[in-house]
Amino acid sequence: MPEKPRVYVTRRIPEIGITLLREHFDVRVWDSDDVVPREILLEELKEADGVLALLTERFDGPTMDAAPKLKVIANMAVGFDNIDVAAATERGIVVCNTPGVLTDTTADFAWTLLMAAARRVVEGYKYVQEGKWKTWGPLLLLGQDVHHATLGLIGLGRIGSAVAQRAKGFSMRVLYYDAIRRQDLEQSLGIEYAPLEQVLREADFISLHVPLTPETRHLINAERLRIMKKTAVLVNTARGPVVDQKALYEALRDGVIWAAALDVTDPEPIPMDDPLLKLDNCLIVPHIASASFKTRDAMAALAARNIIAVLSGQQPETPVNPEVWERRRK
């Protein structure tokens, strides 16, 4: 009987993904909630035909060279900035991601952060827990109204569009900036395109939905924070390095903007001595925007199906570099 292809899974993931893979392959799993040590990853990759990876694993050229049998890297995420796609393409390795299945869940969570920051929910929770609540107070923990405010979206992909759709329920004006203008969506979503600086200047809430690229690294810097309203709230569910965190700390500390809510940081996890953690007007959570039971199951299943497809000679559902698959097929 021929040997089954080997697939390495770099972390504990929802069982549905493991079950699907084990129906076809010899599956090895780093059975921990901690990041797989680099030396163990490199050792496992020596015999791996496929790998189901997370954002915490870096796949550059030398890493791929340590995996001579590797044919597919399936990232359990929409983003793939942890993978050198050009290096994978050069080596004939198909890269896949998990777009679509987490769009609504992530958009819901962007709104969770936006509203929690606007209405100071975490501060209120702490206030009660610390025994400070003595009476109702007309000036206690005043926040920003969401309804009829202006929402600024930086990036109008799947998630940005879903966030815009939800803004209708709050009767908001929605401005957006994207490298590609989406006139097809402007009418259906009731949104307006504007240059980046105008979006920053006019929005009460800024929500970031861009991929991490050299062009978007520190897209929100000290200069752009100064453009924003003093009452503005910045929400980031994209990637941590899109925001210059030192500049953000200074802006929040000095009242340049009113508040921020971050699902992602640079680095992750955020160091416990990072000054942002000392600010009441900065809400930080541990990269959980897609963390619902159904969505994480869907992400694990899609990543597994992509591996099954590639290693079975079939077209994967969501390839990042489809040219590799096309080249192989010929």
Protein backbone atom coordinates (compact mmCIF):
# COMPACT_ATOMS: atom_id res chain seq x y z
CA MET A 1 0.00 0.00 0.00
CA PRO A 2 1.47 3.40 -0.96
CA GLU A 3 2.43 5.75 1.85
CA LYS A 4 -0.08 8.46 2.58
CA PRO A 5 1.05 12.06 2.05
CA ARG A 6 1.94 13.79 5.30
CA VAL A 7 0.29 16.98 6.49
CA TYR A 8 1.56 19.03 9.39
CA VAL A 9 -0.86 21.20 11.40
CA THR A 10 0.98 23.87 13.35
CA ARG A 11 -1.49 24.27 16.25
CA ARG A 12 -4.62 22.88 17.83
CA ILE A 13 -7.50 23.83 15.56
CA PRO A 14 -11.21 22.96 15.53
CA GLU A 15 -11.62 19.18 15.26
CA ILE A 16 -13.49 19.36 11.96
CA GLY A 17 -10.29 20.37 10.17
CA ILE A 18 -8.24 17.53 11.67
CA THR A 19 -10.97 14.98 10.94
CA LEU A 20 -11.15 15.98 7.28
CA LEU A 21 -7.39 15.74 6.87
CA ARG A 22 -7.11 12.37 8.62
CA GLU A 23 -9.51 10.82 6.13
CA HIS A 24 -6.83 11.29 3.46
CA PHE A 25 -3.42 11.83 5.00
CA ASP A 26 -0.94 11.00 7.70
CA VAL A 27 -1.55 13.99 9.95
CA ARG A 28 0.79 15.33 12.60
CA VAL A 29 -0.31 18.16 14.89
CA TRP A 30 1.55 20.49 17.23
CA ASP A 31 -0.89 19.68 20.02
CA SER A 32 -0.67 22.94 21.94
CA ASP A 33 -2.22 26.36 22.16
CA ASP A 34 1.28 27.86 22.15
CA VAL A 35 3.22 28.72 19.01
CA VAL A 36 5.20 25.80 17.62
CA PRO A 37 8.93 26.32 18.31
CA ARG A 38 10.83 27.17 15.15
CA GLU A 39 13.17 24.18 15.39
CA ILE A 40 10.24 21.76 15.68
CA LEU A 41 8.46 23.38 12.72
CA LEU A 42 11.56 23.01 10.55
CA GLU A 43 12.00 19.39 11.59
CA GLU A 44 8.36 18.54 10.81
CA LEU A 45 8.51 20.28 7.45
CA LYS A 46 11.25 17.92 6.22
CA GLU A 47 8.63 15.22 5.50
CA ALA A 48 5.54 17.37 4.98
CA ASP A 49 3.64 17.36 1.69
CA GLY A 50 1.23 19.97 3.04
CA VAL A 51 0.99 22.28 6.00
CA LEU A 52 -1.98 23.92 7.67
CA ALA A 53 -0.50 27.07 9.17
CA LEU A 54 -1.51 30.03 11.28
CA LEU A 55 -0.38 33.65 11.10
CA THR A 56 2.19 32.97 13.81
CA GLU A 57 4.32 30.80 11.50
CA ARG A 58 6.72 32.52 9.13
CA PHE A 59 7.18 30.89 5.74
CA ASP A 60 10.04 32.56 3.90
CA GLY A 61 12.31 31.11 1.24
CA PRO A 62 14.72 29.35 3.63
CA THR A 63 11.79 27.79 5.51
CA MET A 64 10.38 26.41 2.27
CA ASP A 65 13.82 25.12 1.27
CA ALA A 66 13.75 23.06 4.47
CA ALA A 67 10.58 21.38 3.15
CA PRO A 68 11.59 19.64 -0.11
CA LYS A 69 8.28 17.75 -0.48
CA LEU A 70 6.00 20.68 0.31
CA LYS A 71 3.25 21.30 -2.24
CA VAL A 72 0.73 23.43 -0.35
CA ILE A 73 0.58 25.91 2.53
CA ALA A 74 -2.99 26.49 3.71
CA ASN A 75 -3.18 29.52 5.98
CA MET A 76 -6.11 29.46 8.40
CA ALA A 77 -6.66 33.20 7.95
CA VAL A 78 -7.64 35.73 5.32
CA GLY A 79 -4.31 37.52 5.56
CA PHE A 80 -1.12 35.82 4.40
CA ASP A 81 1.56 38.36 5.27
CA ASN A 82 3.38 35.58 7.16
CA ILE A 83 4.07 33.83 3.85
CA ASP A 84 6.47 34.95 1.14
CA VAL A 85 4.06 34.22 -1.70
CA ALA A 86 6.62 35.07 -4.39
CA ALA A 87 9.05 32.56 -2.88
CA ALA A 88 6.31 29.93 -2.74
CA THR A 89 5.35 30.59 -6.36
CA GLU A 90 8.97 30.27 -7.45
CA ARG A 91 9.15 26.89 -5.72
CA GLY A 92 5.84 25.64 -7.10
CA ILE A 93 4.07 25.68 -3.74
CA VAL A 94 0.38 26.57 -3.75
CA VAL A 95 -0.62 29.07 -1.06
CA CYS A 96 -4.24 29.19 0.12
CA ASN A 97 -6.15 31.31 2.60
CA THR A 98 -9.65 31.35 4.13
CA PRO A 99 -11.52 34.41 2.84
CA GLY A 100 -15.28 34.79 2.87
CA VAL A 101 -16.10 32.42 5.72
CA LEU A 102 -15.11 34.94 8.38
CA THR A 103 -16.39 38.14 6.76
CA ASP A 104 -19.57 38.64 8.77
CA THR A 105 -18.11 37.50 12.07
CA THR A 106 -15.18 39.90 11.72
CA ALA A 107 -17.48 42.74 10.67
CA ASP A 108 -19.65 42.06 13.72
CA PHE A 109 -16.59 42.29 15.92
CA ALA A 110 -15.38 45.55 14.35
CA TRP A 111 -18.74 46.92 15.43
CA THR A 112 -18.33 45.38 18.88
CA LEU A 113 -15.06 47.25 19.32
CA LEU A 114 -16.44 50.46 17.84
CA MET A 115 -19.41 50.55 20.19
CA ALA A 116 -17.47 49.39 23.24
CA ALA A 117 -14.97 52.21 22.74
CA ALA A 118 -17.61 54.80 21.89
CA ARG A 119 -19.67 54.04 25.00
CA ARG A 120 -16.76 53.19 27.32
CA VAL A 121 -18.07 49.71 28.12
CA VAL A 122 -14.81 48.32 29.53
CA GLU A 123 -14.25 51.41 31.67
CA GLY A 124 -17.79 51.01 32.99
CA TYR A 125 -17.22 47.35 33.79
CA LYS A 126 -14.02 48.18 35.70
CA TYR A 127 -15.80 51.01 37.51
CA VAL A 128 -18.38 48.58 38.87
CA GLN A 129 -15.83 45.84 39.65
CA GLU A 130 -13.69 48.29 41.61
CA GLY A 131 -16.65 49.30 43.79
CA LYS A 132 -16.76 52.88 42.55
CA TRP A 133 -20.45 52.86 41.53
CA LYS A 134 -22.27 54.74 44.27
CA THR A 135 -25.11 56.45 42.38
CA TRP A 136 -26.37 57.43 38.96
CA GLY A 137 -24.36 60.41 37.69
CA PRO A 138 -25.26 62.80 34.88
CA LEU A 139 -21.57 63.23 33.97
CA LEU A 140 -20.47 59.66 34.56
CA LEU A 141 -18.51 57.98 31.71
CA LEU A 142 -19.90 60.12 28.93
CA GLY A 143 -19.24 58.65 25.49
CA GLN A 144 -19.72 59.32 21.79
CA ASP A 145 -22.97 58.74 19.90
CA VAL A 146 -22.81 56.21 17.07
CA HIS A 147 -26.15 56.95 15.40
CA HIS A 148 -26.04 59.65 12.71
CA ALA A 149 -22.24 59.87 13.05
CA THR A 150 -19.78 59.55 10.16
CA LEU A 151 -18.00 56.24 9.71
CA GLY A 152 -14.75 56.20 7.76
CA LEU A 153 -13.61 52.93 6.25
CA ILE A 154 -10.02 52.46 5.14
CA GLY A 155 -10.24 49.46 2.82
CA LEU A 156 -13.42 48.21 1.16
CA GLY A 157 -12.89 44.52 0.63
CA ARG A 158 -15.28 41.86 1.88
CA ILE A 159 -15.03 42.86 5.54
CA GLY A 160 -15.02 46.61 4.95
CA SER A 161 -18.15 46.23 2.81
CA ALA A 162 -19.86 44.18 5.52
CA VAL A 163 -19.02 46.86 8.10
CA ALA A 164 -20.52 49.50 5.77
CA GLN A 165 -23.69 47.47 5.41
CA ARG A 166 -24.16 47.38 9.18
CA ALA A 167 -23.81 51.16 9.39
CA LYS A 168 -27.19 51.55 7.70
CA GLY A 169 -28.91 50.50 10.90
CA PHE A 170 -27.35 53.45 12.71
CA SER A 171 -28.25 55.97 9.99
CA MET A 172 -24.60 56.81 9.53
CA ARG A 173 -22.87 58.66 6.76
CA VAL A 174 -20.18 56.32 5.44
CA LEU A 175 -17.02 57.51 3.71
CA TYR A 176 -14.46 55.08 2.38
CA TYR A 177 -11.01 55.07 0.91
CA ASP A 178 -9.54 52.15 -1.01
CA ALA A 179 -6.73 51.83 -3.52
CA ILE A 180 -9.42 50.63 -5.93
CA ARG A 181 -12.57 52.72 -6.09
CA ARG A 182 -15.68 50.52 -5.85
CA GLN A 183 -18.33 52.50 -7.69
CA ASP A 184 -20.35 49.29 -8.01
CA LEU A 185 -20.83 49.27 -4.24
CA GLU A 186 -21.31 52.99 -3.63
CA GLN A 187 -24.98 53.03 -4.57
CA SER A 188 -25.95 49.64 -3.11
CA LEU A 189 -24.28 50.40 0.23
CA GLY A 190 -25.08 54.11 0.24
CA ILE A 191 -21.45 55.10 0.76
CA GLU A 192 -19.17 57.83 -0.58
CA TYR A 193 -15.62 57.55 -1.91
CA ALA A 194 -13.14 60.17 -0.65
CA PRO A 195 -9.36 60.60 -0.56
CA LEU A 196 -7.68 59.15 2.52
CA GLU A 197 -7.05 62.50 4.18
CA GLN A 198 -10.68 63.56 3.75
CA VAL A 199 -11.91 60.32 5.30
CA LEU A 200 -9.60 60.84 8.27
CA ARG A 201 -10.60 64.49 8.63
CA GLU A 202 -14.38 64.02 8.50
CA ALA A 203 -15.03 60.67 10.17
CA ASP A 204 -16.12 60.23 13.78
CA PHE A 205 -15.08 56.58 13.64
CA ILE A 206 -12.25 55.13 11.53
CA SER A 207 -12.25 51.37 10.90
CA LEU A 208 -9.24 49.76 9.20
CA HIS A 209 -9.71 46.91 6.72
CA VAL A 210 -6.57 46.84 4.56
CA PRO A 211 -4.12 43.97 4.09
CA LEU A 212 -0.61 44.40 5.44
CA THR A 213 1.70 45.36 2.57
CA PRO A 214 4.75 47.62 2.34
CA GLU A 215 2.34 50.41 1.31
CA THR A 216 0.00 49.96 4.30
CA ARG A 217 2.64 49.50 7.01
CA HIS A 218 2.20 52.47 9.39
CA LEU A 219 -0.53 53.83 7.14
CA ILE A 220 -1.88 55.42 10.32
CA ASN A 221 1.05 57.43 11.59
CA ALA A 222 1.53 60.58 13.68
CA GLU A 223 0.78 62.90 10.78
CA ARG A 224 -2.46 61.14 9.88
CA LEU A 225 -3.58 60.87 13.48
CA ARG A 226 -3.29 64.65 13.70
CA ILE A 227 -5.70 64.97 10.77
CA MET A 228 -8.41 63.12 12.67
CA LYS A 229 -11.02 64.74 14.91
CA LYS A 230 -10.21 65.10 18.60
CA THR A 231 -13.39 63.11 19.24
CA ALA A 232 -12.49 60.33 16.77
CA VAL A 233 -12.32 56.62 17.58
CA LEU A 234 -9.87 54.38 15.69
CA VAL A 235 -10.74 50.69 15.26
CA ASN A 236 -8.24 48.15 13.91
CA THR A 237 -9.26 44.60 13.03
CA ALA A 238 -6.82 44.40 10.09
CA ARG A 239 -3.15 43.95 11.04
CA GLY A 240 -1.21 45.55 13.87
CA PRO A 241 1.59 47.13 11.80
CA VAL A 242 -0.95 49.15 9.80
CA VAL A 243 -0.84 51.50 12.82
CA ASP A 244 2.29 53.13 14.22
CA GLN A 245 1.67 52.20 17.86
CA LYS A 246 4.13 54.69 19.33
CA ALA A 247 2.35 57.48 17.46
CA LEU A 248 -1.02 56.09 18.55
CA TYR A 249 0.02 56.07 22.19
CA GLU A 250 1.11 59.70 22.01
CA ALA A 251 -2.08 60.69 20.20
CA LEU A 252 -4.30 59.00 22.80
CA ARG A 253 -2.26 60.31 25.71
CA ASP A 254 -2.29 63.88 24.44
CA GLY A 255 -5.94 63.98 23.33
CA VAL A 256 -5.15 64.17 19.62
CA ILE A 257 -7.88 61.53 19.16
CA TRP A 258 -10.45 60.34 21.69
CA ALA A 259 -10.08 56.56 21.78
CA ALA A 260 -8.86 53.44 20.00
CA ALA A 261 -9.97 49.81 19.97
CA LEU A 262 -7.52 47.21 18.68
CA ASP A 263 -8.00 43.54 17.90
CA VAL A 264 -4.48 43.38 16.46
CA THR A 265 -1.18 44.80 17.68
CA ASP A 266 2.47 45.01 16.67
CA PRO A 267 3.89 42.70 17.93
CA GLU A 268 1.42 40.05 18.99
CA PRO A 269 0.97 39.42 21.82
CA ILE A 270 1.46 43.00 22.94
CA PRO A 271 4.23 43.24 25.57
CA MET A 272 2.87 43.84 29.05
CA ASP A 273 5.07 46.92 29.42
CA ASP A 274 3.59 48.57 26.31
CA PRO A 275 2.32 52.02 27.38
CA LEU A 276 -0.94 51.55 25.43
CA LEU A 277 -2.02 49.11 28.14
CA LYS A 278 -1.95 51.87 30.71
CA LEU A 279 -4.45 54.07 28.86
CA ASP A 280 -8.15 53.95 29.73
CA ASN A 281 -9.02 55.18 26.24
CA CYS A 282 -7.35 52.24 24.47
CA LEU A 283 -9.21 48.93 24.36
CA ILE A 284 -7.05 45.96 23.31
CA VAL A 285 -8.23 42.39 22.81
CA PRO A 286 -6.23 39.29 21.69
CA HIS A 287 -6.91 39.00 17.93
CA ILE A 288 -10.35 37.41 18.30
CA ALA A 289 -12.39 39.09 15.55
CA SER A 290 -13.12 35.77 13.83
CA ALA A 291 -13.49 33.83 17.08
CA SER A 292 -16.97 32.38 16.93
CA PHE A 293 -17.56 28.64 17.08
CA LYS A 294 -19.13 28.46 13.61
CA THR A 295 -16.58 30.69 11.93
CA ARG A 296 -13.48 29.02 13.32
CA ASP A 297 -14.97 25.65 12.30
CA ALA A 298 -15.55 27.02 8.80
CA MET A 299 -11.99 28.37 8.60
CA ALA A 300 -10.47 25.05 9.70
CA ALA A 301 -12.64 23.11 7.25
CA LEU A 302 -11.80 25.39 4.31
CA ALA A 303 -8.07 25.21 5.04
CA ALA A 304 -8.31 21.41 5.21
CA ARG A 305 -10.29 21.19 1.96
CA ASN A 306 -7.68 23.31 0.20
CA ILE A 307 -4.95 20.88 1.26
CA ILE A 308 -7.04 17.86 0.27
CA ALA A 309 -7.67 19.40 -3.15
CA VAL A 310 -4.05 20.25 -3.94
CA LEU A 311 -2.63 16.92 -2.74
CA SER A 312 -5.37 15.05 -4.63
CA GLY A 313 -4.63 16.85 -7.89
CA GLN A 314 -7.76 19.00 -7.73
CA GLN A 315 -8.19 22.77 -7.89
CA PRO A 316 -8.21 24.39 -4.43
CA GLU A 317 -11.13 26.64 -3.48
CA THR A 318 -9.18 29.73 -2.44
CA PRO A 319 -5.64 29.83 -3.86
CA VAL A 320 -3.59 32.98 -3.32
CA ASN A 321 -1.24 32.16 -6.20
CA PRO A 322 -3.48 30.31 -8.69
CA GLU A 323 -0.79 30.49 -11.35
CA VAL A 324 1.06 27.69 -9.54
CA TRP A 325 -1.98 25.44 -9.78
CA GLU A 326 -2.51 26.37 -13.43
CA ARG A 327 1.13 25.64 -14.21
CA ARG A 328 0.88 22.27 -12.51
CA ARG A 329 -2.30 21.36 -14.35
CA LYS A 330 -0.56 21.86 -17.71
